[in-house]
């Protein structure tokens, strides 16, 4: 059953984990790319549009990144980004009494605040950091991604709910500034939060 109750503005906070990478093309065959985890924290604003359809904003701070492992030498690069993400989502909510499943889709606007790359060498059987560089000039400061997700909301009281969701996003724009190199972000997020009625 589609949810049509309590069509009011709501706000909340959320926290969770992001697991992501950048899928580069034209990289050397001896470079293996892999994803890494990052922490996220942010807010939720839910605005009623019509009936069970809502506009949802989820501004948040996320630690993103990816790993580059070299099979030629025993070294890897741990690339880390501080990112402000501004998802703009359309939300379809279903009413199952206290439980309210929902689906979301929309776009993420990402702004890179900073970048740091740790150079790690495999010495005497142990990974050891041997240096740190700033490669922010290799990346576009703005990225746009398609977002698809879903979740469930549990209504504790008339004004308070717990919400949990999962989102998959894939980049639309090339994040690389390097010549003849293209790369697109790919992320999976899991979060939990609380929501309150504002008015």
N, C-alpha and C. Protein backbone atom coordinates (compact mmCIF):
# COMPACT_ATOMS: atom_id res chain seq x y z
N UNK A 1 0.85 -1.20 0.00
CA UNK A 1 0.00 0.00 0.00
C UNK A 1 0.88 1.24 0.00
N UNK A 2 0.62 2.17 -0.90
CA UNK A 2 1.40 3.39 -0.96
C UNK A 2 1.08 4.29 0.22
N UNK A 3 2.14 4.95 0.76
CA UNK A 3 1.98 5.79 1.95
C UNK A 3 1.49 7.17 1.55
N UNK A 4 0.41 7.62 2.20
CA UNK A 4 -0.10 8.97 1.95
C UNK A 4 -0.31 9.74 3.24
N UNK A 5 0.15 9.17 4.37
CA UNK A 5 -0.09 9.80 5.66
C UNK A 5 1.05 10.73 6.05
N UNK A 6 0.74 11.67 6.95
CA UNK A 6 1.75 12.56 7.53
C UNK A 6 2.61 13.25 6.47
N UNK A 7 1.92 13.85 5.47
CA UNK A 7 2.63 14.54 4.40
C UNK A 7 3.13 15.89 4.92
N UNK A 8 4.21 15.84 5.70
CA UNK A 8 4.79 17.03 6.29
C UNK A 8 6.30 17.04 6.02
N UNK A 9 6.89 18.21 6.19
CA UNK A 9 8.34 18.31 6.06
C UNK A 9 9.00 17.60 7.24
N UNK A 10 10.01 16.80 6.96
CA UNK A 10 10.74 16.10 8.01
C UNK A 10 12.24 16.30 7.81
N UNK A 11 12.96 16.19 8.91
CA UNK A 11 14.42 16.28 8.83
C UNK A 11 15.02 15.22 9.74
N UNK A 12 16.29 14.92 9.52
CA UNK A 12 16.94 13.91 10.35
C UNK A 12 18.45 13.92 10.16
N UNK A 13 19.10 12.97 10.82
CA UNK A 13 20.54 12.79 10.69
C UNK A 13 20.81 11.33 10.39
N UNK A 14 21.96 11.06 9.75
CA UNK A 14 22.30 9.68 9.43
C UNK A 14 23.81 9.49 9.50
N UNK A 15 24.22 8.24 9.65
CA UNK A 15 25.63 7.88 9.61
C UNK A 15 25.74 6.49 9.02
N UNK A 16 26.91 6.15 8.50
CA UNK A 16 27.06 4.84 7.90
C UNK A 16 28.41 4.66 7.25
N UNK A 17 28.45 3.76 6.26
CA UNK A 17 29.69 3.39 5.61
C UNK A 17 29.53 3.49 4.10
N UNK A 18 30.59 3.95 3.46
CA UNK A 18 30.66 3.99 2.00
C UNK A 18 31.78 3.06 1.55
N UNK A 19 31.49 2.21 0.58
CA UNK A 19 32.53 1.38 -0.03
C UNK A 19 32.56 1.73 -1.52
N UNK A 20 33.70 2.23 -1.97
CA UNK A 20 33.75 2.69 -3.34
C UNK A 20 35.11 2.60 -3.96
N UNK A 21 35.13 2.93 -5.25
CA UNK A 21 36.37 2.93 -6.02
C UNK A 21 36.20 3.87 -7.20
N UNK A 22 37.24 4.01 -7.98
CA UNK A 22 37.18 4.69 -9.27
C UNK A 22 37.62 3.68 -10.32
N UNK A 23 36.77 3.45 -11.31
CA UNK A 23 37.08 2.51 -12.38
C UNK A 23 37.76 3.26 -13.52
N UNK A 24 39.08 3.13 -13.58
CA UNK A 24 39.87 3.80 -14.61
C UNK A 24 39.99 2.93 -15.85
N UNK A 25 39.98 3.58 -16.99
CA UNK A 25 40.30 2.93 -18.25
C UNK A 25 41.72 3.30 -18.65
N UNK A 26 42.31 2.50 -19.51
CA UNK A 26 43.66 2.77 -20.04
C UNK A 26 44.74 2.72 -18.96
N UNK A 27 44.51 1.97 -17.89
CA UNK A 27 45.55 1.81 -16.88
C UNK A 27 46.45 0.64 -17.27
N UNK A 28 47.73 0.67 -16.87
CA UNK A 28 48.64 -0.44 -17.19
C UNK A 28 48.12 -1.76 -16.62
N UNK A 29 48.46 -2.85 -17.31
CA UNK A 29 47.96 -4.17 -16.91
C UNK A 29 48.50 -4.62 -15.56
N UNK A 30 49.62 -4.04 -15.11
CA UNK A 30 50.19 -4.45 -13.84
C UNK A 30 49.61 -3.68 -12.65
N UNK A 31 48.69 -2.76 -12.92
CA UNK A 31 48.02 -2.01 -11.86
C UNK A 31 46.64 -2.63 -11.60
N UNK A 32 46.40 -3.04 -10.37
CA UNK A 32 45.11 -3.62 -9.98
C UNK A 32 44.40 -2.64 -9.06
N UNK A 33 43.20 -2.23 -9.46
CA UNK A 33 42.41 -1.28 -8.67
C UNK A 33 41.44 -2.03 -7.77
N UNK A 34 41.24 -1.52 -6.57
CA UNK A 34 40.28 -2.13 -5.64
C UNK A 34 39.60 -1.05 -4.82
N UNK A 35 38.48 -1.41 -4.22
CA UNK A 35 37.68 -0.45 -3.46
C UNK A 35 38.15 -0.38 -2.01
N UNK A 36 37.68 0.65 -1.31
CA UNK A 36 37.98 0.79 0.11
C UNK A 36 36.79 1.41 0.83
N UNK A 37 36.77 1.24 2.15
CA UNK A 37 35.66 1.73 2.97
C UNK A 37 35.93 3.14 3.47
N UNK A 38 34.85 3.86 3.72
CA UNK A 38 34.94 5.19 4.29
C UNK A 38 33.73 5.50 5.15
N UNK A 39 33.89 6.42 6.08
CA UNK A 39 32.83 6.83 7.01
C UNK A 39 32.00 7.94 6.39
N UNK A 40 30.71 7.96 6.67
CA UNK A 40 29.85 9.06 6.21
C UNK A 40 28.97 9.54 7.35
N UNK A 41 28.66 10.83 7.32
CA UNK A 41 27.73 11.43 8.27
C UNK A 41 27.04 12.59 7.58
N UNK A 42 25.75 12.74 7.85
CA UNK A 42 25.03 13.80 7.16
C UNK A 42 23.62 13.97 7.66
N UNK A 43 22.82 14.65 6.84
CA UNK A 43 21.45 14.97 7.19
C UNK A 43 20.47 14.43 6.17
N UNK A 44 19.21 14.49 6.54
CA UNK A 44 18.12 14.06 5.66
C UNK A 44 17.02 15.12 5.73
N UNK A 45 16.55 15.54 4.57
CA UNK A 45 15.39 16.45 4.50
C UNK A 45 14.38 15.83 3.55
N UNK A 46 13.17 15.59 4.03
CA UNK A 46 12.12 14.97 3.23
C UNK A 46 10.99 15.97 3.01
N UNK A 47 10.70 16.26 1.74
CA UNK A 47 9.68 17.24 1.37
C UNK A 47 8.56 16.54 0.60
N UNK A 48 7.32 16.66 1.04
CA UNK A 48 6.21 16.01 0.32
C UNK A 48 5.97 16.65 -1.04
N UNK A 49 5.72 15.81 -2.05
CA UNK A 49 5.36 16.30 -3.38
C UNK A 49 3.89 16.03 -3.65
N UNK A 50 3.55 14.74 -3.69
CA UNK A 50 2.15 14.36 -3.89
C UNK A 50 1.95 12.94 -3.42
N UNK A 51 1.02 12.72 -2.49
CA UNK A 51 0.71 11.38 -2.02
C UNK A 51 1.95 10.66 -1.50
N UNK A 52 2.30 9.50 -2.09
CA UNK A 52 3.44 8.71 -1.59
C UNK A 52 4.78 9.14 -2.17
N UNK A 53 4.79 10.23 -2.94
CA UNK A 53 6.01 10.68 -3.62
C UNK A 53 6.61 11.87 -2.85
N UNK A 54 7.92 11.79 -2.58
CA UNK A 54 8.61 12.81 -1.81
C UNK A 54 9.90 13.22 -2.53
N UNK A 55 10.35 14.42 -2.23
CA UNK A 55 11.68 14.88 -2.63
C UNK A 55 12.58 14.75 -1.41
N UNK A 56 13.71 14.05 -1.56
CA UNK A 56 14.59 13.84 -0.41
C UNK A 56 15.99 14.37 -0.71
N UNK A 57 16.51 15.19 0.20
CA UNK A 57 17.87 15.71 0.12
C UNK A 57 18.68 15.05 1.22
N UNK A 58 19.92 14.62 0.89
CA UNK A 58 20.76 13.93 1.87
C UNK A 58 22.18 14.49 1.87
N UNK A 59 22.38 15.76 2.22
CA UNK A 59 23.73 16.32 2.23
C UNK A 59 24.60 15.61 3.27
N UNK A 60 25.82 15.24 2.89
CA UNK A 60 26.67 14.51 3.83
C UNK A 60 28.16 14.69 3.51
N UNK A 61 28.96 14.39 4.51
CA UNK A 61 30.41 14.32 4.36
C UNK A 61 30.79 12.84 4.26
N UNK A 62 31.66 12.51 3.30
CA UNK A 62 32.06 11.12 3.11
C UNK A 62 33.58 11.04 2.90
N UNK A 63 34.19 10.05 3.52
CA UNK A 63 35.56 9.69 3.22
C UNK A 63 35.56 8.64 2.13
N UNK A 64 36.05 9.00 0.94
CA UNK A 64 36.06 8.07 -0.19
C UNK A 64 37.50 7.74 -0.57
N UNK A 65 37.65 6.82 -1.53
CA UNK A 65 38.98 6.49 -1.99
C UNK A 65 39.03 5.21 -2.78
N UNK A 66 40.25 4.80 -3.13
CA UNK A 66 40.47 3.53 -3.83
C UNK A 66 41.93 3.15 -3.66
N UNK A 67 42.22 1.89 -3.93
CA UNK A 67 43.57 1.36 -3.79
C UNK A 67 44.14 1.00 -5.16
N UNK A 68 45.43 1.28 -5.35
CA UNK A 68 46.16 0.86 -6.54
C UNK A 68 47.27 -0.09 -6.10
N UNK A 69 47.19 -1.33 -6.54
CA UNK A 69 48.20 -2.32 -6.21
C UNK A 69 49.03 -2.64 -7.45
N UNK A 70 50.33 -2.60 -7.31
CA UNK A 70 51.23 -2.92 -8.41
C UNK A 70 51.68 -4.38 -8.30
N UNK A 71 51.50 -5.12 -9.39
CA UNK A 71 51.98 -6.50 -9.43
C UNK A 71 53.42 -6.59 -9.91
N UNK A 72 53.98 -5.45 -10.36
CA UNK A 72 55.35 -5.42 -10.84
C UNK A 72 56.32 -5.25 -9.68
N UNK A 73 55.95 -4.36 -8.75
CA UNK A 73 56.73 -4.17 -7.53
C UNK A 73 55.78 -4.28 -6.34
N UNK A 74 56.28 -4.63 -5.18
CA UNK A 74 55.43 -4.82 -4.01
C UNK A 74 55.12 -3.49 -3.34
N UNK A 75 54.36 -2.65 -4.07
CA UNK A 75 53.96 -1.35 -3.56
C UNK A 75 52.50 -1.09 -3.91
N UNK A 76 51.88 -0.21 -3.13
CA UNK A 76 50.51 0.19 -3.45
C UNK A 76 50.29 1.64 -3.05
N UNK A 77 49.30 2.24 -3.67
CA UNK A 77 48.92 3.62 -3.37
C UNK A 77 47.52 3.61 -2.77
N UNK A 78 47.40 4.21 -1.59
CA UNK A 78 46.13 4.31 -0.87
C UNK A 78 45.60 5.73 -1.07
N UNK A 79 44.65 5.89 -2.00
CA UNK A 79 44.13 7.20 -2.38
C UNK A 79 42.90 7.55 -1.54
N UNK A 80 42.93 8.71 -0.89
CA UNK A 80 41.86 9.11 0.02
C UNK A 80 41.31 10.49 -0.35
N UNK A 81 39.98 10.61 -0.32
CA UNK A 81 39.32 11.87 -0.64
C UNK A 81 38.38 12.28 0.49
N UNK A 82 38.33 13.57 0.78
CA UNK A 82 37.29 14.14 1.62
C UNK A 82 36.26 14.77 0.69
N UNK A 83 35.01 14.31 0.78
CA UNK A 83 33.99 14.67 -0.21
C UNK A 83 32.73 15.19 0.48
N UNK A 84 32.18 16.26 -0.07
CA UNK A 84 30.83 16.69 0.27
C UNK A 84 29.91 16.17 -0.82
N UNK A 85 28.92 15.38 -0.42
CA UNK A 85 27.98 14.80 -1.39
C UNK A 85 26.59 15.37 -1.16
N UNK A 86 25.94 15.76 -2.26
CA UNK A 86 24.60 16.37 -2.19
C UNK A 86 23.64 15.57 -3.08
N UNK A 87 23.06 14.48 -2.56
CA UNK A 87 22.08 13.71 -3.33
C UNK A 87 20.73 14.45 -3.40
N UNK A 88 20.13 14.42 -4.58
CA UNK A 88 18.78 14.95 -4.81
C UNK A 88 17.95 13.79 -5.34
N UNK A 89 17.02 13.29 -4.51
CA UNK A 89 16.36 12.02 -4.79
C UNK A 89 14.84 12.16 -4.83
N UNK A 90 14.22 11.36 -5.68
CA UNK A 90 12.77 11.16 -5.65
C UNK A 90 12.51 9.89 -4.87
N UNK A 91 11.58 9.96 -3.91
CA UNK A 91 11.33 8.85 -3.00
C UNK A 91 9.87 8.38 -3.12
N UNK A 92 9.69 7.07 -3.28
CA UNK A 92 8.37 6.45 -3.31
C UNK A 92 8.23 5.60 -2.06
N UNK A 93 7.26 5.93 -1.21
CA UNK A 93 7.12 5.28 0.10
C UNK A 93 5.87 4.40 0.14
N UNK A 94 6.02 3.22 0.76
CA UNK A 94 4.92 2.28 0.92
C UNK A 94 4.54 2.21 2.41
N UNK A 95 3.22 2.11 2.67
CA UNK A 95 2.72 2.13 4.04
C UNK A 95 2.35 0.73 4.48
N UNK A 96 3.15 0.16 5.40
CA UNK A 96 2.85 -1.16 5.97
C UNK A 96 2.76 -1.01 7.49
N UNK A 97 1.80 -0.19 7.93
CA UNK A 97 1.61 0.12 9.33
C UNK A 97 2.85 0.83 9.88
N UNK A 98 3.52 0.29 10.91
CA UNK A 98 4.69 0.97 11.48
C UNK A 98 5.90 0.88 10.55
N UNK A 99 5.94 -0.14 9.69
CA UNK A 99 7.05 -0.30 8.74
C UNK A 99 6.68 0.36 7.41
N UNK A 100 7.62 1.14 6.88
CA UNK A 100 7.38 1.84 5.63
C UNK A 100 8.57 1.64 4.69
N UNK A 101 8.53 0.61 3.84
CA UNK A 101 9.61 0.45 2.85
C UNK A 101 9.56 1.60 1.84
N UNK A 102 10.70 1.89 1.21
CA UNK A 102 10.74 2.95 0.22
C UNK A 102 11.81 2.68 -0.84
N UNK A 103 11.63 3.32 -2.00
CA UNK A 103 12.60 3.27 -3.09
C UNK A 103 13.01 4.70 -3.42
N UNK A 104 14.25 4.88 -3.83
CA UNK A 104 14.74 6.22 -4.20
C UNK A 104 15.54 6.15 -5.49
N UNK A 105 15.54 7.24 -6.22
CA UNK A 105 16.39 7.39 -7.40
C UNK A 105 16.64 8.87 -7.63
N UNK A 106 17.78 9.18 -8.21
CA UNK A 106 18.12 10.58 -8.47
C UNK A 106 19.59 10.75 -8.80
N UNK A 107 20.11 11.92 -8.47
CA UNK A 107 21.49 12.27 -8.81
C UNK A 107 22.26 12.70 -7.56
N UNK A 108 23.56 12.38 -7.56
CA UNK A 108 24.48 12.87 -6.52
C UNK A 108 25.41 13.90 -7.13
N UNK A 109 25.53 15.05 -6.49
CA UNK A 109 26.57 16.03 -6.82
C UNK A 109 27.69 15.88 -5.79
N UNK A 110 28.91 15.64 -6.26
CA UNK A 110 30.05 15.41 -5.37
C UNK A 110 31.09 16.51 -5.54
N UNK A 111 31.58 17.01 -4.42
CA UNK A 111 32.61 18.05 -4.42
C UNK A 111 33.80 17.56 -3.60
N UNK A 112 34.96 17.41 -4.27
CA UNK A 112 36.17 16.96 -3.56
C UNK A 112 36.78 18.14 -2.80
N UNK A 113 36.92 17.98 -1.49
CA UNK A 113 37.52 19.02 -0.66
C UNK A 113 39.03 18.87 -0.58
N UNK A 114 39.50 17.63 -0.47
CA UNK A 114 40.94 17.38 -0.35
C UNK A 114 41.26 15.97 -0.79
N UNK A 115 42.56 15.73 -1.07
CA UNK A 115 43.02 14.41 -1.49
C UNK A 115 44.38 14.15 -0.87
N UNK A 116 44.63 12.91 -0.48
CA UNK A 116 45.92 12.51 0.06
C UNK A 116 46.18 11.06 -0.35
N UNK A 117 47.38 10.80 -0.85
CA UNK A 117 47.75 9.46 -1.28
C UNK A 117 48.91 8.94 -0.44
N UNK A 118 48.70 7.83 0.23
CA UNK A 118 49.73 7.17 1.01
C UNK A 118 50.44 6.14 0.13
N UNK A 119 51.77 6.23 0.06
CA UNK A 119 52.57 5.26 -0.67
C UNK A 119 53.02 4.18 0.31
N UNK A 120 52.67 2.94 0.03
CA UNK A 120 52.91 1.83 0.95
C UNK A 120 53.81 0.80 0.28
N UNK A 121 54.86 0.40 0.98
CA UNK A 121 55.78 -0.62 0.49
C UNK A 121 55.66 -1.87 1.36
N UNK A 122 55.92 -3.00 0.74
CA UNK A 122 55.86 -4.29 1.46
C UNK A 122 57.27 -4.64 1.90
N UNK A 123 57.58 -4.36 3.18
CA UNK A 123 58.94 -4.52 3.70
C UNK A 123 58.94 -5.57 4.80
N UNK A 124 59.76 -6.59 4.61
CA UNK A 124 59.90 -7.67 5.62
C UNK A 124 58.55 -8.28 5.99
N UNK A 125 57.70 -8.46 4.98
CA UNK A 125 56.42 -9.10 5.21
C UNK A 125 55.35 -8.21 5.80
N UNK A 126 55.62 -6.90 5.91
CA UNK A 126 54.66 -5.98 6.53
C UNK A 126 54.49 -4.74 5.64
N UNK A 127 53.23 -4.29 5.50
CA UNK A 127 52.97 -3.04 4.78
C UNK A 127 53.45 -1.86 5.61
N UNK A 128 54.29 -1.01 5.02
CA UNK A 128 54.79 0.17 5.73
C UNK A 128 54.67 1.40 4.84
N UNK A 129 54.16 2.49 5.45
CA UNK A 129 54.03 3.74 4.71
C UNK A 129 55.41 4.37 4.54
N UNK A 130 55.76 4.69 3.29
CA UNK A 130 57.07 5.28 3.02
C UNK A 130 56.97 6.72 2.53
N UNK A 131 55.74 7.21 2.37
CA UNK A 131 55.58 8.59 1.93
C UNK A 131 54.13 8.95 1.71
N UNK A 132 53.89 10.23 1.54
CA UNK A 132 52.54 10.73 1.31
C UNK A 132 52.61 11.88 0.31
N UNK A 133 51.72 11.86 -0.68
CA UNK A 133 51.70 12.90 -1.71
C UNK A 133 50.28 13.43 -1.88
N UNK A 134 50.19 14.61 -2.47
CA UNK A 134 48.89 15.21 -2.77
C UNK A 134 48.71 15.24 -4.28
N UNK A 135 47.73 14.47 -4.76
CA UNK A 135 47.48 14.37 -6.20
C UNK A 135 46.15 14.98 -6.61
N UNK A 136 45.67 15.97 -5.85
CA UNK A 136 44.33 16.52 -6.12
C UNK A 136 44.25 17.15 -7.51
N UNK A 137 45.38 17.57 -8.06
CA UNK A 137 45.39 18.17 -9.41
C UNK A 137 45.06 17.15 -10.49
N UNK A 138 45.09 15.86 -10.15
CA UNK A 138 44.76 14.81 -11.12
C UNK A 138 43.27 14.54 -11.23
N UNK A 139 42.46 15.19 -10.37
CA UNK A 139 41.03 14.87 -10.31
C UNK A 139 40.17 16.12 -10.48
N UNK A 140 39.02 15.92 -11.11
CA UNK A 140 38.03 16.99 -11.20
C UNK A 140 37.46 17.26 -9.81
N UNK A 141 37.24 18.52 -9.49
CA UNK A 141 36.70 18.85 -8.16
C UNK A 141 35.21 18.57 -8.06
N UNK A 142 34.53 18.41 -9.21
CA UNK A 142 33.08 18.16 -9.23
C UNK A 142 32.79 16.88 -10.00
N UNK A 143 31.88 16.08 -9.46
CA UNK A 143 31.44 14.87 -10.14
C UNK A 143 29.94 14.71 -9.97
N UNK A 144 29.33 14.07 -10.94
CA UNK A 144 27.90 13.81 -10.92
C UNK A 144 27.69 12.31 -11.07
N UNK A 145 26.79 11.74 -10.27
CA UNK A 145 26.56 10.29 -10.30
C UNK A 145 25.07 9.98 -10.24
N UNK A 146 24.69 8.88 -10.88
CA UNK A 146 23.31 8.37 -10.81
C UNK A 146 23.16 7.54 -9.54
N UNK A 147 22.07 7.74 -8.82
CA UNK A 147 21.85 7.08 -7.53
C UNK A 147 20.57 6.25 -7.58
N UNK A 148 20.67 5.01 -7.12
CA UNK A 148 19.50 4.13 -7.01
C UNK A 148 19.55 3.45 -5.64
N UNK A 149 18.44 3.47 -4.92
CA UNK A 149 18.48 2.91 -3.57
C UNK A 149 17.13 2.50 -3.04
N UNK A 150 17.15 2.07 -1.80
CA UNK A 150 15.92 1.67 -1.12
C UNK A 150 16.20 1.49 0.35
N UNK A 151 15.14 1.29 1.10
CA UNK A 151 15.33 1.13 2.54
C UNK A 151 14.02 0.88 3.24
N UNK A 152 14.08 1.03 4.55
CA UNK A 152 12.89 0.82 5.37
C UNK A 152 12.88 1.81 6.53
N UNK A 153 11.69 2.26 6.85
CA UNK A 153 11.50 3.20 7.96
C UNK A 153 10.60 2.56 9.00
N UNK A 154 11.00 2.70 10.27
CA UNK A 154 10.19 2.18 11.37
C UNK A 154 9.72 3.34 12.24
N UNK A 155 8.41 3.48 12.34
CA UNK A 155 7.81 4.60 13.08
C UNK A 155 7.72 4.26 14.56
N UNK A 156 8.53 4.96 15.36
CA UNK A 156 8.52 4.75 16.82
C UNK A 156 7.36 5.48 17.45
N UNK A 157 7.13 6.73 17.02
CA UNK A 157 6.03 7.53 17.52
C UNK A 157 5.50 8.39 16.38
N UNK A 158 4.56 9.23 16.68
CA UNK A 158 3.96 10.07 15.64
C UNK A 158 4.97 11.03 15.02
N UNK A 159 6.02 11.39 15.77
CA UNK A 159 6.97 12.37 15.26
C UNK A 159 8.38 11.81 15.05
N UNK A 160 8.64 10.58 15.49
CA UNK A 160 10.00 10.04 15.45
C UNK A 160 10.04 8.70 14.73
N UNK A 161 11.01 8.55 13.81
CA UNK A 161 11.19 7.31 13.07
C UNK A 161 12.67 6.97 12.97
N UNK A 162 12.96 5.67 12.89
CA UNK A 162 14.29 5.17 12.57
C UNK A 162 14.29 4.74 11.11
N UNK A 163 15.32 5.10 10.39
CA UNK A 163 15.38 4.79 8.97
C UNK A 163 16.72 4.17 8.63
N UNK A 164 16.70 3.18 7.74
CA UNK A 164 17.93 2.55 7.26
C UNK A 164 17.82 2.38 5.76
N UNK A 165 18.92 2.62 5.05
CA UNK A 165 18.86 2.56 3.59
C UNK A 165 20.18 2.08 3.00
N UNK A 166 20.10 1.67 1.75
CA UNK A 166 21.27 1.28 0.97
C UNK A 166 21.18 1.97 -0.38
N UNK A 167 22.31 2.50 -0.86
CA UNK A 167 22.35 3.22 -2.12
C UNK A 167 23.51 2.72 -2.98
N UNK A 168 23.24 2.57 -4.27
CA UNK A 168 24.30 2.31 -5.25
C UNK A 168 24.38 3.51 -6.17
N UNK A 169 25.59 3.99 -6.44
CA UNK A 169 25.75 5.11 -7.36
C UNK A 169 26.89 4.83 -8.33
N UNK A 170 26.73 5.32 -9.54
CA UNK A 170 27.76 5.18 -10.56
C UNK A 170 27.97 6.52 -11.25
N UNK A 171 29.23 6.88 -11.45
CA UNK A 171 29.56 8.20 -11.98
C UNK A 171 29.11 8.41 -13.41
N UNK A 172 28.70 9.64 -13.70
CA UNK A 172 28.30 10.04 -15.04
C UNK A 172 29.43 10.80 -15.74
N UNK A 173 30.19 11.56 -14.95
CA UNK A 173 31.27 12.39 -15.49
C UNK A 173 32.63 11.75 -15.23
N UNK A 174 33.57 12.01 -16.13
CA UNK A 174 34.95 11.57 -15.97
C UNK A 174 35.60 12.35 -14.83
N UNK A 175 36.14 11.65 -13.83
CA UNK A 175 36.73 12.33 -12.67
C UNK A 175 38.21 12.66 -12.88
N UNK A 176 38.81 12.14 -13.95
CA UNK A 176 40.26 12.31 -14.14
C UNK A 176 40.58 13.54 -14.98
N UNK A 177 41.65 14.24 -14.59
CA UNK A 177 42.19 15.34 -15.39
C UNK A 177 43.40 14.91 -16.22
N UNK A 178 43.85 13.67 -16.01
CA UNK A 178 45.05 13.20 -16.70
C UNK A 178 44.76 12.93 -18.17
N UNK A 179 45.73 13.21 -19.02
CA UNK A 179 45.58 13.02 -20.46
C UNK A 179 45.41 11.54 -20.79
N UNK A 180 44.42 11.26 -21.64
CA UNK A 180 44.15 9.90 -22.13
C UNK A 180 43.78 8.92 -21.02
N UNK A 181 43.30 9.44 -19.89
CA UNK A 181 42.84 8.58 -18.80
C UNK A 181 41.42 9.00 -18.43
N UNK A 182 40.50 8.04 -18.40
CA UNK A 182 39.14 8.31 -17.97
C UNK A 182 38.81 7.42 -16.78
N UNK A 183 38.06 7.95 -15.86
CA UNK A 183 37.69 7.19 -14.67
C UNK A 183 36.32 7.60 -14.17
N UNK A 184 35.57 6.63 -13.70
CA UNK A 184 34.20 6.87 -13.23
C UNK A 184 34.03 6.26 -11.84
N UNK A 185 33.42 7.02 -10.96
CA UNK A 185 33.23 6.56 -9.58
C UNK A 185 32.18 5.47 -9.51
N UNK A 186 32.31 4.63 -8.50
CA UNK A 186 31.32 3.60 -8.21
C UNK A 186 31.29 3.40 -6.70
N UNK A 187 30.10 3.55 -6.10
CA UNK A 187 29.99 3.50 -4.65
C UNK A 187 28.76 2.73 -4.20
N UNK A 188 28.90 2.11 -3.03
CA UNK A 188 27.78 1.48 -2.34
C UNK A 188 27.75 2.02 -0.92
N UNK A 189 26.60 2.52 -0.50
CA UNK A 189 26.46 3.11 0.84
C UNK A 189 25.39 2.39 1.65
N UNK A 190 25.69 2.18 2.92
CA UNK A 190 24.72 1.65 3.88
C UNK A 190 24.67 2.62 5.06
N UNK A 191 23.48 3.07 5.43
CA UNK A 191 23.39 4.04 6.52
C UNK A 191 22.17 3.80 7.39
N UNK A 192 22.18 4.41 8.56
CA UNK A 192 21.06 4.36 9.48
C UNK A 192 20.90 5.75 10.10
N UNK A 193 19.67 6.14 10.38
CA UNK A 193 19.45 7.47 10.93
C UNK A 193 18.12 7.58 11.63
N UNK A 194 17.83 8.79 12.10
CA UNK A 194 16.54 9.10 12.73
C UNK A 194 15.94 10.30 12.03
N UNK A 195 14.58 10.33 12.01
CA UNK A 195 13.88 11.43 11.37
C UNK A 195 12.79 11.98 12.28
N UNK A 196 12.60 13.31 12.21
CA UNK A 196 11.60 14.01 13.00
C UNK A 196 10.74 14.90 12.10
N UNK A 197 9.51 15.13 12.51
CA UNK A 197 8.67 16.11 11.81
C UNK A 197 9.09 17.51 12.18
N UNK A 198 9.28 18.34 11.15
CA UNK A 198 9.68 19.73 11.38
C UNK A 198 8.45 20.61 11.56
N UNK A 199 7.50 20.47 10.68
CA UNK A 199 6.20 21.16 10.80
C UNK A 199 5.22 20.52 9.85
